[in-house]
Amino acid sequence: MKKAYIDSNKCDRSPFCPVKRVCPVEAVYQEKKGLFSKGPATVDKDKCVGCGKCLKACPRGAVTMK
């Protein structure tokens, strides 16, 4: 089964990441420091169910399925 992958070079590191919001199993996360998220979004491969909702949600096209 294919899983989501986020290209950290394309990710804009927004604390309001739409990919995190659309994931039905909360497989997408960002490291937190203080009140805001820092760093690129990352996918927990063990949680990802390969639904593909994140593909359409990313405005930067950073998400692919592998």
PDB file of N, CA and C in Angstrom:
ATOM      1  N   MET A   1       0.836  -1.184   0.000  1.00  0.00           N
ATOM      2  CA  MET A   1       0.000   0.000   0.000  1.00  0.00           C
ATOM      3  C   MET A   1       0.883   1.251   0.000  1.00  0.00           C
ATOM      4  N   LYS A   2       0.482   2.242  -0.776  1.00  0.00           N
ATOM      5  CA  LYS A   2       1.227   3.490  -0.827  1.00  0.00           C
ATOM      6  C   LYS A   2       0.920   4.328   0.400  1.00  0.00           C
ATOM      7  N   LYS A   3       1.919   5.072   0.834  1.00  0.00           N
ATOM      8  CA  LYS A   3       1.798   5.957   1.990  1.00  0.00           C
ATOM      9  C   LYS A   3       2.193   7.362   1.573  1.00  0.00           C
ATOM     10  N   ALA A   4       1.714   8.353   2.298  1.00  0.00           N
ATOM     11  CA  ALA A   4       2.046   9.749   2.002  1.00  0.00           C
ATOM     12  C   ALA A   4       3.494  10.034   2.374  1.00  0.00           C
ATOM     13  N   TYR A   5       4.107  10.890   1.574  1.00  0.00           N
ATOM     14  CA  TYR A   5       5.470  11.362   1.835  1.00  0.00           C
ATOM     15  C   TYR A   5       5.475  12.870   1.614  1.00  0.00           C
ATOM     16  N   ILE A   6       6.110  13.620   2.503  1.00  0.00           N
ATOM     17  CA  ILE A   6       6.184  15.071   2.373  1.00  0.00           C
ATOM     18  C   ILE A   6       7.615  15.485   2.091  1.00  0.00           C
ATOM     19  N   ASP A   7       7.814  16.173   0.976  1.00  0.00           N
ATOM     20  CA  ASP A   7       9.128  16.686   0.587  1.00  0.00           C
ATOM     21  C   ASP A   7       9.427  17.917   1.443  1.00  0.00           C
ATOM     22  N   SER A   8      10.380  17.800   2.347  1.00  0.00           N
ATOM     23  CA  SER A   8      10.689  18.892   3.276  1.00  0.00           C
ATOM     24  C   SER A   8      11.207  20.136   2.564  1.00  0.00           C
ATOM     25  N   ASN A   9      11.725  19.989   1.345  1.00  0.00           N
ATOM     26  CA  ASN A   9      12.200  21.152   0.594  1.00  0.00           C
ATOM     27  C   ASN A   9      11.043  21.963   0.005  1.00  0.00           C
ATOM     28  N   LYS A  10       9.898  21.335  -0.198  1.00  0.00           N
ATOM     29  CA  LYS A  10       8.728  22.032  -0.739  1.00  0.00           C
ATOM     30  C   LYS A  10       7.787  22.528   0.348  1.00  0.00           C
ATOM     31  N   CYS A  11       7.839  21.917   1.518  1.00  0.00           N
ATOM     32  CA  CYS A  11       6.951  22.281   2.628  1.00  0.00           C
ATOM     33  C   CYS A  11       7.257  23.699   3.108  1.00  0.00           C
ATOM     34  N   ASP A  12       6.201  24.523   3.293  1.00  0.00           N
ATOM     35  CA  ASP A  12       6.416  25.903   3.745  1.00  0.00           C
ATOM     36  C   ASP A  12       6.472  26.037   5.270  1.00  0.00           C
ATOM     37  N   ARG A  13       6.313  24.938   5.994  1.00  0.00           N
ATOM     38  CA  ARG A  13       6.438  24.887   7.448  1.00  0.00           C
ATOM     39  C   ARG A  13       5.402  25.743   8.190  1.00  0.00           C
ATOM     40  N   SER A  14       4.259  25.938   7.569  1.00  0.00           N
ATOM     41  CA  SER A  14       3.206  26.747   8.171  1.00  0.00           C
ATOM     42  C   SER A  14       2.649  26.075   9.424  1.00  0.00           C
ATOM     43  N   PRO A  15       2.475  26.846  10.502  1.00  0.00           N
ATOM     44  CA  PRO A  15       1.855  26.268  11.702  1.00  0.00           C
ATOM     45  C   PRO A  15       0.371  25.968  11.482  1.00  0.00           C
ATOM     46  N   PHE A  16      -0.185  26.460  10.362  1.00  0.00           N
ATOM     47  CA  PHE A  16      -1.590  26.232  10.026  1.00  0.00           C
ATOM     48  C   PHE A  16      -1.718  25.232   8.873  1.00  0.00           C
ATOM     49  N   CYS A  17      -0.811  24.303   8.790  1.00  0.00           N
ATOM     50  CA  CYS A  17      -0.710  23.322   7.707  1.00  0.00           C
ATOM     51  C   CYS A  17      -2.059  22.655   7.410  1.00  0.00           C
ATOM     52  N   PRO A  18      -2.582  22.837   6.171  1.00  0.00           N
ATOM     53  CA  PRO A  18      -3.854  22.203   5.822  1.00  0.00           C
ATOM     54  C   PRO A  18      -3.761  20.681   5.730  1.00  0.00           C
ATOM     55  N   VAL A  19      -2.571  20.176   5.465  1.00  0.00           N
ATOM     56  CA  VAL A  19      -2.386  18.721   5.370  1.00  0.00           C
ATOM     57  C   VAL A  19      -2.653  18.073   6.731  1.00  0.00           C
ATOM     58  N   LYS A  20      -2.184  18.706   7.797  1.00  0.00           N
ATOM     59  CA  LYS A  20      -2.439  18.182   9.141  1.00  0.00           C
ATOM     60  C   LYS A  20      -3.935  18.161   9.441  1.00  0.00           C
ATOM     61  N   ARG A  21      -4.644  19.169   8.976  1.00  0.00           N
ATOM     62  CA  ARG A  21      -6.071  19.296   9.288  1.00  0.00           C
ATOM     63  C   ARG A  21      -6.940  18.283   8.550  1.00  0.00           C
ATOM     64  N   VAL A  22      -6.550  17.882   7.329  1.00  0.00           N
ATOM     65  CA  VAL A  22      -7.404  16.962   6.555  1.00  0.00           C
ATOM     66  C   VAL A  22      -7.119  15.493   6.814  1.00  0.00           C
ATOM     67  N   CYS A  23      -6.017  15.173   7.445  1.00  0.00           N
ATOM     68  CA  CYS A  23      -5.675  13.766   7.677  1.00  0.00           C
ATOM     69  C   CYS A  23      -6.669  13.137   8.664  1.00  0.00           C
ATOM     70  N   PRO A  24      -7.413  12.120   8.218  1.00  0.00           N
ATOM     71  CA  PRO A  24      -8.432  11.519   9.078  1.00  0.00           C
ATOM     72  C   PRO A  24      -7.876  10.681  10.233  1.00  0.00           C
ATOM     73  N   VAL A  25      -6.600  10.309  10.152  1.00  0.00           N
ATOM     74  CA  VAL A  25      -6.012   9.479  11.210  1.00  0.00           C
ATOM     75  C   VAL A  25      -4.889  10.205  11.966  1.00  0.00           C
ATOM     76  N   GLU A  26      -4.760  11.512  11.723  1.00  0.00           N
ATOM     77  CA  GLU A  26      -3.755  12.348  12.390  1.00  0.00           C
ATOM     78  C   GLU A  26      -2.336  11.804  12.236  1.00  0.00           C
ATOM     79  N   ALA A  27      -2.023  11.372  10.998  1.00  0.00           N
ATOM     80  CA  ALA A  27      -0.694  10.829  10.718  1.00  0.00           C
ATOM     81  C   ALA A  27       0.331  11.924  10.405  1.00  0.00           C
ATOM     82  N   VAL A  28      -0.136  13.145  10.168  1.00  0.00           N
ATOM     83  CA  VAL A  28       0.758  14.245   9.814  1.00  0.00           C
ATOM     84  C   VAL A  28       0.992  15.109  11.050  1.00  0.00           C
ATOM     85  N   TYR A  29       2.259  15.404  11.309  1.00  0.00           N
ATOM     86  CA  TYR A  29       2.603  16.196  12.488  1.00  0.00           C
ATOM     87  C   TYR A  29       3.783  17.109  12.192  1.00  0.00           C
ATOM     88  N   GLN A  30       4.012  18.067  13.078  1.00  0.00           N
ATOM     89  CA  GLN A  30       5.175  18.953  13.027  1.00  0.00           C
ATOM     90  C   GLN A  30       5.742  19.048  14.427  1.00  0.00           C
ATOM     91  N   GLU A  31       7.052  19.226  14.501  1.00  0.00           N
ATOM     92  CA  GLU A  31       7.689  19.433  15.797  1.00  0.00           C
ATOM     93  C   GLU A  31       7.217  20.771  16.363  1.00  0.00           C
ATOM     94  N   LYS A  32       7.058  20.839  17.663  1.00  0.00           N
ATOM     95  CA  LYS A  32       6.613  22.079  18.291  1.00  0.00           C
ATOM     96  C   LYS A  32       7.698  22.648  19.198  1.00  0.00           C
ATOM     97  N   LYS A  33       7.801  23.963  19.157  1.00  0.00           N
ATOM     98  CA  LYS A  33       8.676  24.693  20.063  1.00  0.00           C
ATOM     99  C   LYS A  33       7.897  25.914  20.496  1.00  0.00           C
ATOM    100  N   GLY A  34       7.543  25.979  21.761  1.00  0.00           N
ATOM    101  CA  GLY A  34       6.720  27.077  22.226  1.00  0.00           C
ATOM    102  C   GLY A  34       5.283  26.888  21.763  1.00  0.00           C
ATOM    103  N   LEU A  35       4.651  27.971  21.344  1.00  0.00           N
ATOM    104  CA  LEU A  35       3.250  27.922  20.942  1.00  0.00           C
ATOM    105  C   LEU A  35       3.036  27.458  19.514  1.00  0.00           C
ATOM    106  N   PHE A  36       4.061  27.592  18.655  1.00  0.00           N
ATOM    107  CA  PHE A  36       3.888  27.319  17.241  1.00  0.00           C
ATOM    108  C   PHE A  36       4.667  26.097  16.774  1.00  0.00           C
ATOM    109  N   SER A  37       4.171  25.502  15.700  1.00  0.00           N
ATOM    110  CA  SER A  37       4.867  24.380  15.075  1.00  0.00           C
ATOM    111  C   SER A  37       6.085  24.902  14.330  1.00  0.00           C
ATOM    112  N   LYS A  38       7.125  24.120  14.337  1.00  0.00           N
ATOM    113  CA  LYS A  38       8.357  24.473  13.620  1.00  0.00           C
ATOM    114  C   LYS A  38       8.754  23.310  12.738  1.00  0.00           C
ATOM    115  N   GLY A  39       9.403  23.603  11.655  1.00  0.00           N
ATOM    116  CA  GLY A  39       9.897  22.546  10.786  1.00  0.00           C
ATOM    117  C   GLY A  39       8.841  22.058   9.823  1.00  0.00           C
ATOM    118  N   PRO A  40       9.253  21.219   8.891  1.00  0.00           N
ATOM    119  CA  PRO A  40       8.317  20.706   7.888  1.00  0.00           C
ATOM    120  C   PRO A  40       7.356  19.687   8.486  1.00  0.00           C
ATOM    121  N   ALA A  41       6.220  19.535   7.832  1.00  0.00           N
ATOM    122  CA  ALA A  41       5.270  18.504   8.229  1.00  0.00           C
ATOM    123  C   ALA A  41       5.899  17.145   7.925  1.00  0.00           C
ATOM    124  N   THR A  42       5.562  16.163   8.741  1.00  0.00           N
ATOM    125  CA  THR A  42       6.104  14.816   8.605  1.00  0.00           C
ATOM    126  C   THR A  42       4.958  13.814   8.710  1.00  0.00           C
ATOM    127  N   VAL A  43       5.097  12.687   8.041  1.00  0.00           N
ATOM    128  CA  VAL A  43       4.058  11.650   8.072  1.00  0.00           C
ATOM    129  C   VAL A  43       4.518  10.474   8.925  1.00  0.00           C
ATOM    130  N   ASP A  44       3.663  10.061   9.847  1.00  0.00           N
ATOM    131  CA  ASP A  44       3.906   8.854  10.637  1.00  0.00           C
ATOM    132  C   ASP A  44       3.443   7.682   9.770  1.00  0.00           C
ATOM    133  N   LYS A  45       4.383   6.945   9.209  1.00  0.00           N
ATOM    134  CA  LYS A  45       4.074   5.853   8.281  1.00  0.00           C
ATOM    135  C   LYS A  45       3.218   4.758   8.920  1.00  0.00           C
ATOM    136  N   ASP A  46       3.330   4.588  10.231  1.00  0.00           N
ATOM    137  CA  ASP A  46       2.541   3.560  10.905  1.00  0.00           C
ATOM    138  C   ASP A  46       1.063   3.944  11.002  1.00  0.00           C
ATOM    139  N   LYS A  47       0.779   5.246  11.025  1.00  0.00           N
ATOM    140  CA  LYS A  47      -0.602   5.718  11.116  1.00  0.00           C
ATOM    141  C   LYS A  47      -1.243   5.943   9.747  1.00  0.00           C
ATOM    142  N   CYS A  48      -0.446   6.293   8.753  1.00  0.00           N
ATOM    143  CA  CYS A  48      -0.972   6.640   7.429  1.00  0.00           C
ATOM    144  C   CYS A  48      -1.721   5.460   6.818  1.00  0.00           C
ATOM    145  N   VAL A  49      -2.946   5.743   6.308  1.00  0.00           N
ATOM    146  CA  VAL A  49      -3.762   4.703   5.684  1.00  0.00           C
ATOM    147  C   VAL A  49      -3.789   4.833   4.165  1.00  0.00           C
ATOM    148  N   GLY A  50      -3.050   5.800   3.623  1.00  0.00           N
ATOM    149  CA  GLY A  50      -2.936   5.956   2.179  1.00  0.00           C
ATOM    150  C   GLY A  50      -4.184   6.479   1.489  1.00  0.00           C
ATOM    151  N   CYS A  51      -5.004   7.256   2.185  1.00  0.00           N
ATOM    152  CA  CYS A  51      -6.264   7.742   1.609  1.00  0.00           C
ATOM    153  C   CYS A  51      -6.065   8.802   0.527  1.00  0.00           C
ATOM    154  N   GLY A  52      -4.959   9.557   0.592  1.00  0.00           N
ATOM    155  CA  GLY A  52      -4.651  10.549  -0.431  1.00  0.00           C
ATOM    156  C   GLY A  52      -5.285  11.914  -0.240  1.00  0.00           C
ATOM    157  N   LYS A  53      -6.032  12.126   0.835  1.00  0.00           N
ATOM    158  CA  LYS A  53      -6.653  13.429   1.071  1.00  0.00           C
ATOM    159  C   LYS A  53      -5.617  14.545   1.176  1.00  0.00           C
ATOM    160  N   CYS A  54      -4.452  14.215   1.665  1.00  0.00           N
ATOM    161  CA  CYS A  54      -3.383  15.199   1.846  1.00  0.00           C
ATOM    162  C   CYS A  54      -2.828  15.712   0.514  1.00  0.00           C
ATOM    163  N   LEU A  55      -2.925  14.906  -0.535  1.00  0.00           N
ATOM    164  CA  LEU A  55      -2.408  15.311  -1.850  1.00  0.00           C
ATOM    165  C   LEU A  55      -3.069  16.596  -2.338  1.00  0.00           C
ATOM    166  N   LYS A  56      -4.377  16.673  -2.204  1.00  0.00           N
ATOM    167  CA  LYS A  56      -5.131  17.832  -2.668  1.00  0.00           C
ATOM    168  C   LYS A  56      -5.013  19.010  -1.708  1.00  0.00           C
ATOM    169  N   ALA A  57      -4.752  18.742  -0.445  1.00  0.00           N
ATOM    170  CA  ALA A  57      -4.744  19.794   0.567  1.00  0.00           C
ATOM    171  C   ALA A  57      -3.486  20.655   0.565  1.00  0.00           C
ATOM    172  N   CYS A  58      -2.370  20.125   0.110  1.00  0.00           N
ATOM    173  CA  CYS A  58      -1.106  20.865   0.175  1.00  0.00           C
ATOM    174  C   CYS A  58      -1.012  21.901  -0.946  1.00  0.00           C
ATOM    175  N   PRO A  59      -0.973  23.193  -0.597  1.00  0.00           N
ATOM    176  CA  PRO A  59      -0.892  24.238  -1.624  1.00  0.00           C
ATOM    177  C   PRO A  59       0.468  24.299  -2.312  1.00  0.00           C
ATOM    178  N   ARG A  60       1.477  23.694  -1.722  1.00  0.00           N
ATOM    179  CA  ARG A  60       2.831  23.721  -2.273  1.00  0.00           C
ATOM    180  C   ARG A  60       3.181  22.464  -3.080  1.00  0.00           C
ATOM    181  N   GLY A  61       2.282  21.492  -3.100  1.00  0.00           N
ATOM    182  CA  GLY A  61       2.538  20.254  -3.829  1.00  0.00           C
ATOM    183  C   GLY A  61       3.649  19.426  -3.223  1.00  0.00           C
ATOM    184  N   ALA A  62       3.806  19.517  -1.908  1.00  0.00           N
ATOM    185  CA  ALA A  62       4.885  18.815  -1.213  1.00  0.00           C
ATOM    186  C   ALA A  62       4.577  17.354  -0.922  1.00  0.00           C
ATOM    187  N   VAL A  63       3.323  16.950  -1.091  1.00  0.00           N
ATOM    188  CA  VAL A  63       2.912  15.586  -0.728  1.00  0.00           C
ATOM    189  C   VAL A  63       2.837  14.693  -1.956  1.00  0.00           C
ATOM    190  N   THR A  64       3.436  13.515  -1.856  1.00  0.00           N
ATOM    191  CA  THR A  64       3.330  12.480  -2.886  1.00  0.00           C
ATOM    192  C   THR A  64       3.027  11.166  -2.192  1.00  0.00           C
ATOM    193  N   MET A  65       2.639  10.183  -2.977  1.00  0.00           N
ATOM    194  CA  MET A  65       2.389   8.847  -2.422  1.00  0.00           C
ATOM    195  C   MET A  65       3.512   7.935  -2.896  1.00  0.00           C
ATOM    196  N   LYS A  66       4.083   7.203  -1.966  1.00  0.00           N
ATOM    197  CA  LYS A  66       5.171   6.272  -2.294  1.00  0.00           C
ATOM    198  C   LYS A  66       4.859   4.899  -1.757  1.00  0.00           C
TER     199      LYS A  66
END
